[in-house]
PDB file of N, CA and C in Angstrom:
ATOM      1  N   GLY A   1      17.150  28.626 -11.386  1.00  0.00           N
ATOM      2  CA  GLY A   1      17.082  30.011 -11.009  1.00  0.00           C
ATOM      3  C   GLY A   1      18.148  30.367  -9.998  1.00  0.00           C
ATOM      4  N   SER A   2      18.058  31.536  -9.469  1.00  0.00           N
ATOM      5  CA  SER A   2      19.036  32.060  -8.524  1.00  0.00           C
ATOM      6  C   SER A   2      18.911  31.405  -7.157  1.00  0.00           C
ATOM      7  N   ILE A   3      20.000  31.469  -6.380  1.00  0.00           N
ATOM      8  CA  ILE A   3      20.015  30.992  -5.002  1.00  0.00           C
ATOM      9  C   ILE A   3      20.085  32.217  -4.105  1.00  0.00           C
ATOM     10  N   PHE A   4      19.133  32.322  -3.177  1.00  0.00           N
ATOM     11  CA  PHE A   4      19.067  33.455  -2.264  1.00  0.00           C
ATOM     12  C   PHE A   4      19.286  33.001  -0.832  1.00  0.00           C
ATOM     13  N   GLN A   5      19.847  33.886  -0.024  1.00  0.00           N
ATOM     14  CA  GLN A   5      19.890  33.692   1.416  1.00  0.00           C
ATOM     15  C   GLN A   5      18.849  34.623   2.008  1.00  0.00           C
ATOM     16  N   PHE A   6      18.033  34.089   2.919  1.00  0.00           N
ATOM     17  CA  PHE A   6      16.983  34.870   3.546  1.00  0.00           C
ATOM     18  C   PHE A   6      17.231  34.975   5.038  1.00  0.00           C
ATOM     19  N   ARG A   7      16.742  36.041   5.641  1.00  0.00           N
ATOM     20  CA  ARG A   7      16.790  36.217   7.090  1.00  0.00           C
ATOM     21  C   ARG A   7      15.371  36.413   7.573  1.00  0.00           C
ATOM     22  N   ARG A   8      15.009  35.663   8.628  1.00  0.00           N
ATOM     23  CA  ARG A   8      13.668  35.760   9.201  1.00  0.00           C
ATOM     24  C   ARG A   8      13.702  36.704  10.401  1.00  0.00           C
ATOM     25  N   THR A   9      12.749  37.625  10.424  1.00  0.00           N
ATOM     26  CA  THR A   9      12.523  38.491  11.564  1.00  0.00           C
ATOM     27  C   THR A   9      11.050  38.380  11.907  1.00  0.00           C
ATOM     28  N   GLY A  10      10.757  37.657  12.981  1.00  0.00           N
ATOM     29  CA  GLY A  10       9.363  37.392  13.312  1.00  0.00           C
ATOM     30  C   GLY A  10       8.710  36.593  12.207  1.00  0.00           C
ATOM     31  N   ALA A  11       7.605  37.113  11.661  1.00  0.00           N
ATOM     32  CA  ALA A  11       6.896  36.429  10.572  1.00  0.00           C
ATOM     33  C   ALA A  11       7.385  36.876   9.197  1.00  0.00           C
ATOM     34  N   ASN A  12       8.347  37.809   9.150  1.00  0.00           N
ATOM     35  CA  ASN A  12       8.839  38.331   7.872  1.00  0.00           C
ATOM     36  C   ASN A  12      10.109  37.625   7.435  1.00  0.00           C
ATOM     37  N   LEU A  13      10.191  37.374   6.143  1.00  0.00           N
ATOM     38  CA  LEU A  13      11.353  36.758   5.527  1.00  0.00           C
ATOM     39  C   LEU A  13      11.861  37.721   4.466  1.00  0.00           C
ATOM     40  N   ARG A  14      13.139  38.118   4.558  1.00  0.00           N
ATOM     41  CA  ARG A  14      13.657  39.058   3.568  1.00  0.00           C
ATOM     42  C   ARG A  14      14.981  38.564   3.007  1.00  0.00           C
ATOM     43  N   PRO A  15      15.202  38.781   1.699  1.00  0.00           N
ATOM     44  CA  PRO A  15      16.470  38.346   1.090  1.00  0.00           C
ATOM     45  C   PRO A  15      17.626  39.229   1.566  1.00  0.00           C
ATOM     46  N   VAL A  16      18.760  38.591   1.861  1.00  0.00           N
ATOM     47  CA  VAL A  16      19.942  39.344   2.286  1.00  0.00           C
ATOM     48  C   VAL A  16      21.129  39.110   1.359  1.00  0.00           C
ATOM     49  N   ALA A  17      21.068  38.072   0.522  1.00  0.00           N
ATOM     50  CA  ALA A  17      22.177  37.799  -0.405  1.00  0.00           C
ATOM     51  C   ALA A  17      21.674  36.943  -1.559  1.00  0.00           C
ATOM     52  N   GLU A  18      22.335  37.091  -2.702  1.00  0.00           N
ATOM     53  CA  GLU A  18      22.042  36.272  -3.867  1.00  0.00           C
ATOM     54  C   GLU A  18      23.363  35.809  -4.463  1.00  0.00           C
ATOM     55  N   LEU A  19      23.465  34.503  -4.706  1.00  0.00           N
ATOM     56  CA  LEU A  19      24.650  33.970  -5.368  1.00  0.00           C
ATOM     57  C   LEU A  19      24.441  34.051  -6.869  1.00  0.00           C
ATOM     58  N   GLN A  20      25.394  34.637  -7.555  1.00  0.00           N
ATOM     59  CA  GLN A  20      25.307  34.789  -8.998  1.00  0.00           C
ATOM     60  C   GLN A  20      25.744  33.512  -9.696  1.00  0.00           C
ATOM     61  N   LEU A  21      25.007  33.130 -10.718  1.00  0.00           N
ATOM     62  CA  LEU A  21      25.410  32.004 -11.546  1.00  0.00           C
ATOM     63  C   LEU A  21      26.539  32.433 -12.472  1.00  0.00           C
ATOM     64  N   PRO A  22      27.453  31.516 -12.792  1.00  0.00           N
ATOM     65  CA  PRO A  22      28.497  31.845 -13.760  1.00  0.00           C
ATOM     66  C   PRO A  22      27.859  32.196 -15.100  1.00  0.00           C
ATOM     67  N   PRO A  23      28.490  33.044 -15.909  1.00  0.00           N
ATOM     68  CA  PRO A  23      27.887  33.489 -17.170  1.00  0.00           C
ATOM     69  C   PRO A  23      27.604  32.368 -18.169  1.00  0.00           C
ATOM     70  N   ASN A  24      28.348  31.276 -18.119  1.00  0.00           N
ATOM     71  CA  ASN A  24      28.160  30.203 -19.092  1.00  0.00           C
ATOM     72  C   ASN A  24      27.176  29.134 -18.623  1.00  0.00           C
ATOM     73  N   ILE A  25      26.472  29.375 -17.523  1.00  0.00           N
ATOM     74  CA  ILE A  25      25.506  28.420 -16.977  1.00  0.00           C
ATOM     75  C   ILE A  25      24.095  28.955 -17.216  1.00  0.00           C
ATOM     76  N   SER A  26      23.202  28.077 -17.658  1.00  0.00           N
ATOM     77  CA  SER A  26      21.806  28.453 -17.920  1.00  0.00           C
ATOM     78  C   SER A  26      21.105  28.927 -16.650  1.00  0.00           C
ATOM     79  N   HIS A  27      20.301  29.966 -16.775  1.00  0.00           N
ATOM     80  CA  HIS A  27      19.522  30.468 -15.635  1.00  0.00           C
ATOM     81  C   HIS A  27      18.220  29.697 -15.472  1.00  0.00           C
ATOM     82  N   GLU A  28      18.005  28.690 -16.293  1.00  0.00           N
ATOM     83  CA  GLU A  28      16.795  27.860 -16.231  1.00  0.00           C
ATOM     84  C   GLU A  28      17.046  26.566 -15.464  1.00  0.00           C
ATOM     85  N   LEU A  29      18.049  26.552 -14.602  1.00  0.00           N
ATOM     86  CA  LEU A  29      18.387  25.343 -13.863  1.00  0.00           C
ATOM     87  C   LEU A  29      17.317  25.000 -12.839  1.00  0.00           C
ATOM     88  N   GLU A  30      17.163  23.705 -12.582  1.00  0.00           N
ATOM     89  CA  GLU A  30      16.335  23.227 -11.480  1.00  0.00           C
ATOM     90  C   GLU A  30      17.294  22.642 -10.452  1.00  0.00           C
ATOM     91  N   TRP A  31      17.313  23.227  -9.252  1.00  0.00           N
ATOM     92  CA  TRP A  31      18.231  22.771  -8.221  1.00  0.00           C
ATOM     93  C   TRP A  31      17.736  21.458  -7.636  1.00  0.00           C
ATOM     94  N   LEU A  32      18.606  20.444  -7.654  1.00  0.00           N
ATOM     95  CA  LEU A  32      18.290  19.123  -7.142  1.00  0.00           C
ATOM     96  C   LEU A  32      18.836  18.925  -5.732  1.00  0.00           C
ATOM     97  N   LEU A  33      19.925  19.653  -5.397  1.00  0.00           N
ATOM     98  CA  LEU A  33      20.552  19.533  -4.091  1.00  0.00           C
ATOM     99  C   LEU A  33      21.398  20.762  -3.824  1.00  0.00           C
ATOM    100  N   LEU A  34      21.350  21.264  -2.612  1.00  0.00           N
ATOM    101  CA  LEU A  34      22.280  22.282  -2.122  1.00  0.00           C
ATOM    102  C   LEU A  34      22.919  21.700  -0.877  1.00  0.00           C
ATOM    103  N   SER A  35      24.253  21.747  -0.798  1.00  0.00           N
ATOM    104  CA  SER A  35      24.959  21.145   0.329  1.00  0.00           C
ATOM    105  C   SER A  35      26.150  22.003   0.714  1.00  0.00           C
ATOM    106  N   VAL A  36      26.361  22.169   2.016  1.00  0.00           N
ATOM    107  CA  VAL A  36      27.536  22.877   2.520  1.00  0.00           C
ATOM    108  C   VAL A  36      28.633  21.848   2.745  1.00  0.00           C
ATOM    109  N   ARG A  37      29.795  22.118   2.133  1.00  0.00           N
ATOM    110  CA  ARG A  37      30.982  21.263   2.292  1.00  0.00           C
ATOM    111  C   ARG A  37      32.099  22.149   2.810  1.00  0.00           C
ATOM    112  N   GLY A  38      32.287  22.134   4.128  1.00  0.00           N
ATOM    113  CA  GLY A  38      33.299  23.010   4.727  1.00  0.00           C
ATOM    114  C   GLY A  38      32.877  24.458   4.556  1.00  0.00           C
ATOM    115  N   ASP A  39      33.693  25.253   3.861  1.00  0.00           N
ATOM    116  CA  ASP A  39      33.356  26.666   3.640  1.00  0.00           C
ATOM    117  C   ASP A  39      32.842  26.902   2.219  1.00  0.00           C
ATOM    118  N   GLU A  40      32.314  25.847   1.607  1.00  0.00           N
ATOM    119  CA  GLU A  40      31.774  25.959   0.251  1.00  0.00           C
ATOM    120  C   GLU A  40      30.321  25.502   0.201  1.00  0.00           C
ATOM    121  N   LEU A  41      29.570  26.108  -0.715  1.00  0.00           N
ATOM    122  CA  LEU A  41      28.220  25.662  -1.031  1.00  0.00           C
ATOM    123  C   LEU A  41      28.276  24.987  -2.387  1.00  0.00           C
ATOM    124  N   VAL A  42      27.792  23.745  -2.452  1.00  0.00           N
ATOM    125  CA  VAL A  42      27.748  23.008  -3.710  1.00  0.00           C
ATOM    126  C   VAL A  42      26.287  22.828  -4.089  1.00  0.00           C
ATOM    127  N   GLY A  43      25.950  23.200  -5.308  1.00  0.00           N
ATOM    128  CA  GLY A  43      24.615  22.986  -5.833  1.00  0.00           C
ATOM    129  C   GLY A  43      24.682  22.011  -6.992  1.00  0.00           C
ATOM    130  N   ILE A  44      23.767  21.053  -6.999  1.00  0.00           N
ATOM    131  CA  ILE A  44      23.650  20.134  -8.135  1.00  0.00           C
ATOM    132  C   ILE A  44      22.340  20.464  -8.822  1.00  0.00           C
ATOM    133  N   ALA A  45      22.410  20.656 -10.138  1.00  0.00           N
ATOM    134  CA  ALA A  45      21.244  21.128 -10.886  1.00  0.00           C
ATOM    135  C   ALA A  45      21.052  20.330 -12.162  1.00  0.00           C
ATOM    136  N   SER A  46      19.832  20.406 -12.655  1.00  0.00           N
ATOM    137  CA  SER A  46      19.446  19.800 -13.914  1.00  0.00           C
ATOM    138  C   SER A  46      19.005  20.925 -14.837  1.00  0.00           C
ATOM    139  N   PRO A  47      19.222  20.865 -16.154  1.00  0.00           N
ATOM    140  CA  PRO A  47      19.751  19.728 -16.888  1.00  0.00           C
ATOM    141  C   PRO A  47      21.251  19.596 -16.689  1.00  0.00           C
ATOM    142  N   GLY A  48      21.715  18.465 -16.973  1.00  0.00           N
ATOM    143  CA  GLY A  48      23.138  18.163 -16.836  1.00  0.00           C
ATOM    144  C   GLY A  48      23.334  16.701 -16.482  1.00  0.00           C
ATOM    145  N   PRO A  49      23.412  16.344 -15.266  1.00  0.00           N
ATOM    146  CA  PRO A  49      23.481  17.236 -14.100  1.00  0.00           C
ATOM    147  C   PRO A  49      24.810  17.976 -14.064  1.00  0.00           C
ATOM    148  N   VAL A  50      24.803  19.105 -13.392  1.00  0.00           N
ATOM    149  CA  VAL A  50      25.991  19.919 -13.235  1.00  0.00           C
ATOM    150  C   VAL A  50      26.121  20.296 -11.765  1.00  0.00           C
ATOM    151  N   ALA A  51      27.359  20.311 -11.267  1.00  0.00           N
ATOM    152  CA  ALA A  51      27.640  20.760  -9.902  1.00  0.00           C
ATOM    153  C   ALA A  51      28.326  22.111  -9.983  1.00  0.00           C
ATOM    154  N   ILE A  52      27.873  23.049  -9.156  1.00  0.00           N
ATOM    155  CA  ILE A  52      28.430  24.404  -9.136  1.00  0.00           C
ATOM    156  C   ILE A  52      28.812  24.708  -7.692  1.00  0.00           C
ATOM    157  N   THR A  53      30.003  25.287  -7.492  1.00  0.00           N
ATOM    158  CA  THR A  53      30.512  25.552  -6.148  1.00  0.00           C
ATOM    159  C   THR A  53      30.781  27.038  -5.958  1.00  0.00           C
ATOM    160  N   TRP A  54      30.404  27.537  -4.759  1.00  0.00           N
ATOM    161  CA  TRP A  54      30.673  28.915  -4.357  1.00  0.00           C
ATOM    162  C   TRP A  54      31.367  28.929  -3.006  1.00  0.00           C
ATOM    163  N   SER A  55      32.138  29.973  -2.755  1.00  0.00           N
ATOM    164  CA  SER A  55      32.717  30.221  -1.438  1.00  0.00           C
ATOM    165  C   SER A  55      31.634  30.827  -0.557  1.00  0.00           C
ATOM    166  N   LEU A  56      31.434  30.273   0.645  1.00  0.00           N
ATOM    167  CA  LEU A  56      30.469  30.860   1.570  1.00  0.00           C
ATOM    168  C   LEU A  56      30.990  32.167   2.168  1.00  0.00           C
ATOM    169  N   ALA A  57      32.311  32.298   2.265  1.00  0.00           N
ATOM    170  CA  ALA A  57      32.899  33.503   2.854  1.00  0.00           C
ATOM    171  C   ALA A  57      32.765  34.712   1.936  1.00  0.00           C
ATOM    172  N   THR A  58      32.934  34.493   0.614  1.00  0.00           N
ATOM    173  CA  THR A  58      32.958  35.625  -0.314  1.00  0.00           C
ATOM    174  C   THR A  58      31.786  35.651  -1.287  1.00  0.00           C
ATOM    175  N   GLY A  59      31.096  34.517  -1.463  1.00  0.00           N
ATOM    176  CA  GLY A  59      30.041  34.421  -2.463  1.00  0.00           C
ATOM    177  C   GLY A  59      30.581  34.222  -3.868  1.00  0.00           C
ATOM    178  N   GLN A  60      31.904  34.112  -3.999  1.00  0.00           N
ATOM    179  CA  GLN A  60      32.542  33.962  -5.307  1.00  0.00           C
ATOM    180  C   GLN A  60      32.325  32.562  -5.868  1.00  0.00           C
ATOM    181  N   HIS A  61      32.043  32.502  -7.168  1.00  0.00           N
ATOM    182  CA  HIS A  61      31.915  31.231  -7.879  1.00  0.00           C
ATOM    183  C   HIS A  61      33.292  30.593  -7.954  1.00  0.00           C
ATOM    184  N   LEU A  62      33.396  29.313  -7.536  1.00  0.00           N
ATOM    185  CA  LEU A  62      34.683  28.625  -7.511  1.00  0.00           C
ATOM    186  C   LEU A  62      34.871  27.639  -8.654  1.00  0.00           C
ATOM    187  N   GLY A  63      33.783  27.134  -9.201  1.00  0.00           N
ATOM    188  CA  GLY A  63      33.928  26.173 -10.290  1.00  0.00           C
ATOM    189  C   GLY A  63      32.621  25.486 -10.604  1.00  0.00           C
ATOM    190  N   ALA A  64      32.608  24.830 -11.747  1.00  0.00           N
ATOM    191  CA  ALA A  64      31.443  24.057 -12.178  1.00  0.00           C
ATOM    192  C   ALA A  64      31.945  22.837 -12.916  1.00  0.00           C
ATOM    193  N   GLN A  65      31.182  21.767 -12.817  1.00  0.00           N
ATOM    194  CA  GLN A  65      31.607  20.514 -13.435  1.00  0.00           C
ATOM    195  C   GLN A  65      30.379  19.711 -13.825  1.00  0.00           C
ATOM    196  N   ARG A  66      30.367  19.220 -15.055  1.00  0.00           N
ATOM    197  CA  ARG A  66      29.306  18.284 -15.445  1.00  0.00           C
ATOM    198  C   ARG A  66      29.551  16.990 -14.703  1.00  0.00           C
ATOM    199  N   LEU A  67      28.476  16.380 -14.229  1.00  0.00           N
ATOM    200  CA  LEU A  67      28.584  15.141 -13.478  1.00  0.00           C
ATOM    201  C   LEU A  67      28.168  13.972 -14.355  1.00  0.00           C
ATOM    202  N   HIS A  68      28.886  12.902 -14.226  1.00  0.00           N
ATOM    203  CA  HIS A  68      28.558  11.677 -14.944  1.00  0.00           C
ATOM    204  C   HIS A  68      27.964  10.721 -13.928  1.00  0.00           C
ATOM    205  N   SER A  69      26.672  10.469 -14.052  1.00  0.00           N
ATOM    206  CA  SER A  69      26.037   9.520 -13.150  1.00  0.00           C
ATOM    207  C   SER A  69      25.463   8.386 -13.980  1.00  0.00           C
ATOM    208  N   PRO A  70      25.401   7.199 -13.408  1.00  0.00           N
ATOM    209  CA  PRO A  70      24.872   6.056 -14.155  1.00  0.00           C
ATOM    210  C   PRO A  70      23.449   6.310 -14.631  1.00  0.00           C
ATOM    211  N   VAL A  71      23.078   5.683 -15.711  1.00  0.00           N
ATOM    212  CA  VAL A  71      21.718   5.797 -16.237  1.00  0.00           C
ATOM    213  C   VAL A  71      20.739   5.400 -15.144  1.00  0.00           C
ATOM    214  N   GLY A  72      19.723   6.224 -14.949  1.00  0.00           N
ATOM    215  CA  GLY A  72      18.721   5.941 -13.924  1.00  0.00           C
ATOM    216  C   GLY A  72      19.052   6.525 -12.564  1.00  0.00           C
ATOM    217  N   PHE A  73      20.257   7.079 -12.390  1.00  0.00           N
ATOM    218  CA  PHE A  73      20.622   7.713 -11.128  1.00  0.00           C
ATOM    219  C   PHE A  73      20.279   9.194 -11.242  1.00  0.00           C
ATOM    220  N   SER A  74      19.130   9.580 -10.718  1.00  0.00           N
ATOM    221  CA  SER A  74      18.658  10.945 -10.938  1.00  0.00           C
ATOM    222  C   SER A  74      18.356  11.690  -9.647  1.00  0.00           C
ATOM    223  N   SER A  75      18.568  11.066  -8.500  1.00  0.00           N
ATOM    224  CA  SER A  75      18.356  11.722  -7.212  1.00  0.00           C
ATOM    225  C   SER A  75      19.715  11.956  -6.566  1.00  0.00           C
ATOM    226  N   TRP A  76      19.767  12.916  -5.649  1.00  0.00           N
ATOM    227  CA  TRP A  76      21.040  13.294  -5.042  1.00  0.00           C
ATOM    228  C   TRP A  76      20.866  13.427  -3.542  1.00  0.00           C
ATOM    229  N   CYS A  77      21.935  13.121  -2.790  1.00  0.00           N
ATOM    230  CA  CYS A  77      21.903  13.300  -1.341  1.00  0.00           C
ATOM    231  C   CYS A  77      23.299  13.660  -0.865  1.00  0.00           C
ATOM    232  N   ALA A  78      23.376  14.165   0.367  1.00  0.00           N
ATOM    233  CA  ALA A  78      24.646  14.536   0.969  1.00  0.00           C
ATOM    234  C   ALA A  78      24.855  13.711   2.228  1.00  0.00           C
ATOM    235  N   GLY A  79      26.085  13.249   2.444  1.00  0.00           N
ATOM    236  CA  GLY A  79      26.437  12.517   3.654  1.00  0.00           C
ATOM    237  C   GLY A  79      26.742  13.492   4.777  1.00  0.00           C
ATOM    238  N   GLY A  80      26.876  12.969   5.981  1.00  0.00           N
ATOM    239  CA  GLY A  80      27.142  13.791   7.156  1.00  0.00           C
ATOM    240  C   GLY A  80      28.442  14.570   7.082  1.00  0.00           C
ATOM    241  N   GLY A  81      29.421  14.050   6.354  1.00  0.00           N
ATOM    242  CA  GLY A  81      30.705  14.732   6.207  1.00  0.00           C
ATOM    243  C   GLY A  81      30.782  15.610   4.971  1.00  0.00           C
ATOM    244  N   GLY A  82      29.652  15.839   4.285  1.00  0.00           N
ATOM    245  CA  GLY A  82      29.630  16.676   3.096  1.00  0.00           C
ATOM    246  C   GLY A  82      29.820  15.919   1.799  1.00  0.00           C
ATOM    247  N   GLU A  83      29.924  14.579   1.867  1.00  0.00           N
ATOM    248  CA  GLU A  83      30.063  13.802   0.646  1.00  0.00           C
ATOM    249  C   GLU A  83      28.777  13.910  -0.162  1.00  0.00           C
ATOM    250  N   LEU A  84      28.907  13.917  -1.475  1.00  0.00           N
ATOM    251  CA  LEU A  84      27.741  13.967  -2.352  1.00  0.00           C
ATOM    252  C   LEU A  84      27.588  12.635  -3.069  1.00  0.00           C
ATOM    253  N   TYR A  85      26.338  12.189  -3.214  1.00  0.00           N
ATOM    254  CA  TYR A  85      26.056  10.916  -3.854  1.00  0.00           C
ATOM    255  C   TYR A  85      24.910  11.067  -4.834  1.00  0.00           C
ATOM    256  N   SER A  86      25.020  10.358  -5.959  1.00  0.00           N
ATOM    257  CA  SER A  86      23.860  10.218  -6.833  1.00  0.00           C
ATOM    258  C   SER A  86      23.200   8.894  -6.468  1.00  0.00           C
ATOM    259  N   MET A  87      21.884   8.846  -6.604  1.00  0.00           N
ATOM    260  CA  MET A  87      21.138   7.658  -6.214  1.00  0.00           C
ATOM    261  C   MET A  87      20.241   7.218  -7.348  1.00  0.00           C
ATOM    262  N   GLY A  88      20.037   5.932  -7.426  1.00  0.00           N
ATOM    263  CA  GLY A  88      19.128   5.379  -8.413  1.00  0.00           C
ATOM    264  C   GLY A  88      18.750   3.969  -8.021  1.00  0.00           C
ATOM    265  N   SER A  89      17.742   3.471  -8.653  1.00  0.00           N
ATOM    266  CA  SER A  89      17.299   2.108  -8.366  1.00  0.00           C
ATOM    267  C   SER A  89      18.408   1.128  -8.698  1.00  0.00           C
ATOM    268  N   ALA A  90      18.700   0.264  -7.750  1.00  0.00           N
ATOM    269  CA  ALA A  90      19.686  -0.783  -7.993  1.00  0.00           C
ATOM    270  C   ALA A  90      19.051  -1.842  -8.885  1.00  0.00           C
ATOM    271  N   ASN A  91      19.882  -2.529  -9.647  1.00  0.00           N
ATOM    272  CA  ASN A  91      19.334  -3.593 -10.484  1.00  0.00           C
ATOM    273  C   ASN A  91      20.219  -4.814 -10.396  1.00  0.00           C
ATOM    274  N   GLY A  92      19.698  -5.902 -10.825  1.00  0.00           N
ATOM    275  CA  GLY A  92      20.423  -7.162 -10.764  1.00  0.00           C
ATOM    276  C   GLY A  92      19.544  -8.233 -10.157  1.00  0.00           C
ATOM    277  N   PRO A  93      19.994  -9.469 -10.229  1.00  0.00           N
ATOM    278  CA  PRO A  93      19.157 -10.586  -9.784  1.00  0.00           C
ATOM    279  C   PRO A  93      18.909 -10.617  -8.282  1.00  0.00           C
ATOM    280  N   ASP A  94      19.786  -9.983  -7.477  1.00  0.00           N
ATOM    281  CA  ASP A  94      19.641 -10.066  -6.025  1.00  0.00           C
ATOM    282  C   ASP A  94      19.059  -8.803  -5.406  1.00  0.00           C
ATOM    283  N   THR A  95      18.462  -7.917  -6.201  1.00  0.00           N
ATOM    284  CA  THR A  95      17.909  -6.678  -5.656  1.00  0.00           C
ATOM    285  C   THR A  95      16.402  -6.671  -5.811  1.00  0.00           C
ATOM    286  N   ASP A  96      15.743  -6.028  -4.862  1.00  0.00           N
ATOM    287  CA  ASP A  96      14.296  -5.856  -5.007  1.00  0.00           C
ATOM    288  C   ASP A  96      14.023  -4.427  -5.460  1.00  0.00           C
ATOM    289  N   ARG A  97      12.783  -4.116  -5.726  1.00  0.00           N
ATOM    290  CA  ARG A  97      12.453  -2.810  -6.327  1.00  0.00           C
ATOM    291  C   ARG A  97      12.615  -1.644  -5.364  1.00  0.00           C
ATOM    292  N   HIS A  98      12.894  -1.899  -4.093  1.00  0.00           N
ATOM    293  CA  HIS A  98      13.068  -0.819  -3.114  1.00  0.00           C
ATOM    294  C   HIS A  98      14.531  -0.588  -2.759  1.00  0.00           C
ATOM    295  N   THR A  99      15.437  -1.190  -3.495  1.00  0.00           N
ATOM    296  CA  THR A  99      16.870  -1.041  -3.218  1.00  0.00           C
ATOM    297  C   THR A  99      17.434   0.110  -4.058  1.00  0.00           C
ATOM    298  N   TRP A 100      18.222   0.946  -3.402  1.00  0.00           N
ATOM    299  CA  TRP A 100      18.845   2.084  -4.078  1.00  0.00           C
ATOM    300  C   TRP A 100      20.348   1.909  -4.091  1.00  0.00           C
ATOM    301  N   GLY A 101      20.981   2.359  -5.168  1.00  0.00           N
ATOM    302  CA  GLY A 101      22.434   2.364  -5.264  1.00  0.00           C
ATOM    303  C   GLY A 101      22.955   3.769  -5.043  1.00  0.00           C
ATOM    304  N   LEU A 102      24.154   3.896  -4.491  1.00  0.00           N
ATOM    305  CA  LEU A 102      24.790   5.197  -4.280  1.00  0.00           C
ATOM    306  C   LEU A 102      26.084   5.251  -5.060  1.00  0.00           C
ATOM    307  N   LYS A 103      26.380   6.420  -5.625  1.00  0.00           N
ATOM    308  CA  LYS A 103      27.641   6.622  -6.332  1.00  0.00           C
ATOM    309  C   LYS A 103      28.224   7.931  -5.839  1.00  0.00           C
ATOM    310  N   SER A 104      29.465   7.911  -5.341  1.00  0.00           N
ATOM    311  CA  SER A 104      30.111   9.106  -4.819  1.00  0.00           C
ATOM    312  C   SER A 104      30.380  10.108  -5.937  1.00  0.00           C
ATOM    313  N   VAL A 105      30.232  11.393  -5.625  1.00  0.00           N
ATOM    314  CA  VAL A 105      30.492  12.471  -6.574  1.00  0.00           C
ATOM    315  C   VAL A 105      31.764  13.185  -6.149  1.00  0.00           C
ATOM    316  N   PRO A 106      32.741  13.340  -7.049  1.00  0.00           N
ATOM    317  CA  PRO A 106      34.016  13.983  -6.664  1.00  0.00           C
ATOM    318  C   PRO A 106      33.843  15.467  -6.398  1.00  0.00           C
ATOM    319  N   SER A 107      34.865  16.049  -5.776  1.00  0.00           N
ATOM    320  CA  SER A 107      34.860  17.493  -5.528  1.00  0.00           C
ATOM    321  C   SER A 107      34.830  18.258  -6.837  1.00  0.00           C
ATOM    322  N   VAL A 108      34.199  19.416  -6.780  1.00  0.00           N
ATOM    323  CA  VAL A 108      34.044  20.256  -7.979  1.00  0.00           C
ATOM    324  C   VAL A 108      35.219  21.208  -8.066  1.00  0.00           C
ATOM    325  N   GLY A 109      35.774  21.381  -9.245  1.00  0.00           N
ATOM    326  CA  GLY A 109      36.841  22.332  -9.416  1.00  0.00           C
ATOM    327  C   GLY A 109      37.087  22.660 -10.879  1.00  0.00           C
ATOM    328  N   MET A 110      36.454  21.920 -11.746  1.00  0.00           N
ATOM    329  CA  MET A 110      36.657  22.068 -13.177  1.00  0.00           C
ATOM    330  C   MET A 110      35.572  22.947 -13.775  1.00  0.00           C
ATOM    331  N   GLN A 111      35.902  23.777 -14.726  1.00  0.00           N
ATOM    332  CA  GLN A 111      34.930  24.633 -15.403  1.00  0.00           C
ATOM    333  C   GLN A 111      34.171  23.841 -16.448  1.00  0.00           C
ATOM    334  N   VAL A 112      32.874  24.135 -16.599  1.00  0.00           N
ATOM    335  CA  VAL A 112      32.045  23.510 -17.636  1.00  0.00           C
ATOM    336  C   VAL A 112      32.369  24.190 -18.945  1.00  0.00           C
TER     337      VAL A 112
END
């Protein structure tokens, strides 16, 4: 669905902005992660996964890119410097069931 910015005044919350999805992107997306990277907002959504980027200054859509993540990597997180990672259970003879693997996600700039 849509991404809204809200402003709180006391106990009231009211929408002040809505970021428009690009026309070729499904409006049935489930947002898995929203992250600010410098002056951009990056959203990672399912199905796909797909990453979509907007300018925070203008609200303009900057690009979208399908993401290739390893099988089983279905969770997402952001690092302190704005890096994006996909996460999934690590496997192999030296891992236990509570070990997670991280895979860096490149910057978005390509159209889907």
